[in-house]
Amino acid sequence: MTTDRRFRRVIRIGPVQVATFYDGRGREKHTAACTAPRCGFSADYDSRAARTHRCTAS
């Protein structure tokens, strides 16, 4: 089963994009994804701590 995530408040901090969404239970979650080549970092968080990724691939 796929999840339809509607991202809002998308921000970019260096190579990392951070967005807010609601999970299937209606809780606010945050996700981060690094867009740098060869990094591959992505994760979901309960808080805006998603901003803390320090990319070593760039």
Protein backbone atom coordinates (compact mmCIF):
# COMPACT_ATOMS: atom_id res chain seq x y z
CA MET A 1 0.00 0.00 0.00
CA THR A 2 1.40 3.37 -0.94
CA THR A 3 1.11 6.51 1.11
CA ASP A 4 -0.08 9.71 -0.52
CA ARG A 5 2.08 12.36 1.14
CA ARG A 6 1.18 15.96 0.54
CA PHE A 7 4.25 17.92 1.49
CA ARG A 8 3.90 21.45 2.78
CA ARG A 9 6.39 23.98 4.10
CA VAL A 10 9.16 22.70 1.88
CA ILE A 11 12.45 24.47 2.58
CA ARG A 12 15.95 23.99 1.26
CA ILE A 13 19.04 24.22 3.49
CA GLY A 14 22.12 23.75 1.35
CA PRO A 15 21.70 20.44 -0.49
CA VAL A 16 19.01 19.21 1.96
CA GLN A 17 15.27 19.65 1.36
CA VAL A 18 13.06 19.50 4.45
CA ALA A 19 9.26 19.16 4.24
CA THR A 20 6.34 18.71 6.61
CA PHE A 21 3.52 16.21 6.07
CA TYR A 22 0.82 14.33 7.99
CA ASP A 23 1.22 10.57 8.41
CA GLY A 24 -1.63 8.07 8.09
CA ARG A 25 -2.71 8.72 11.68
CA GLY A 26 -2.91 12.50 11.28
CA ARG A 27 0.31 13.26 13.14
CA GLU A 28 2.62 15.96 11.83
CA LYS A 29 5.94 14.51 10.61
CA HIS A 30 8.98 15.95 8.88
CA THR A 31 11.15 14.44 6.19
CA ALA A 32 14.58 15.37 4.89
CA ALA A 33 16.30 14.35 1.67
CA CYS A 34 19.78 15.30 0.51
CA THR A 35 20.01 16.21 -3.18
CA ALA A 36 23.82 16.05 -3.38
CA PRO A 37 25.20 13.51 -5.88
CA ARG A 38 26.14 10.14 -4.30
CA CYS A 39 24.74 11.04 -0.86
CA GLY A 40 21.46 9.10 -0.70
CA PHE A 41 20.40 10.49 2.71
CA SER A 42 16.68 10.61 3.49
CA ALA A 43 14.83 10.18 6.78
CA ASP A 44 11.56 10.92 8.57
CA TYR A 45 11.50 12.75 11.90
CA ASP A 46 8.94 13.74 14.54
CA SER A 47 10.46 17.22 14.86
CA ARG A 48 12.22 19.72 12.61
CA ALA A 49 15.54 18.06 13.60
CA ALA A 50 15.62 17.02 9.96
CA ARG A 51 17.70 20.16 9.41
CA THR A 52 20.74 18.64 11.11
CA HIS A 53 22.14 16.53 8.21
CA ARG A 54 25.74 17.36 7.37
CA CYS A 55 26.53 16.05 3.90
CA THR A 56 29.95 14.52 3.39
CA ALA A 57 29.40 13.58 -0.28
CA SER A 58 29.64 17.11 -1.70
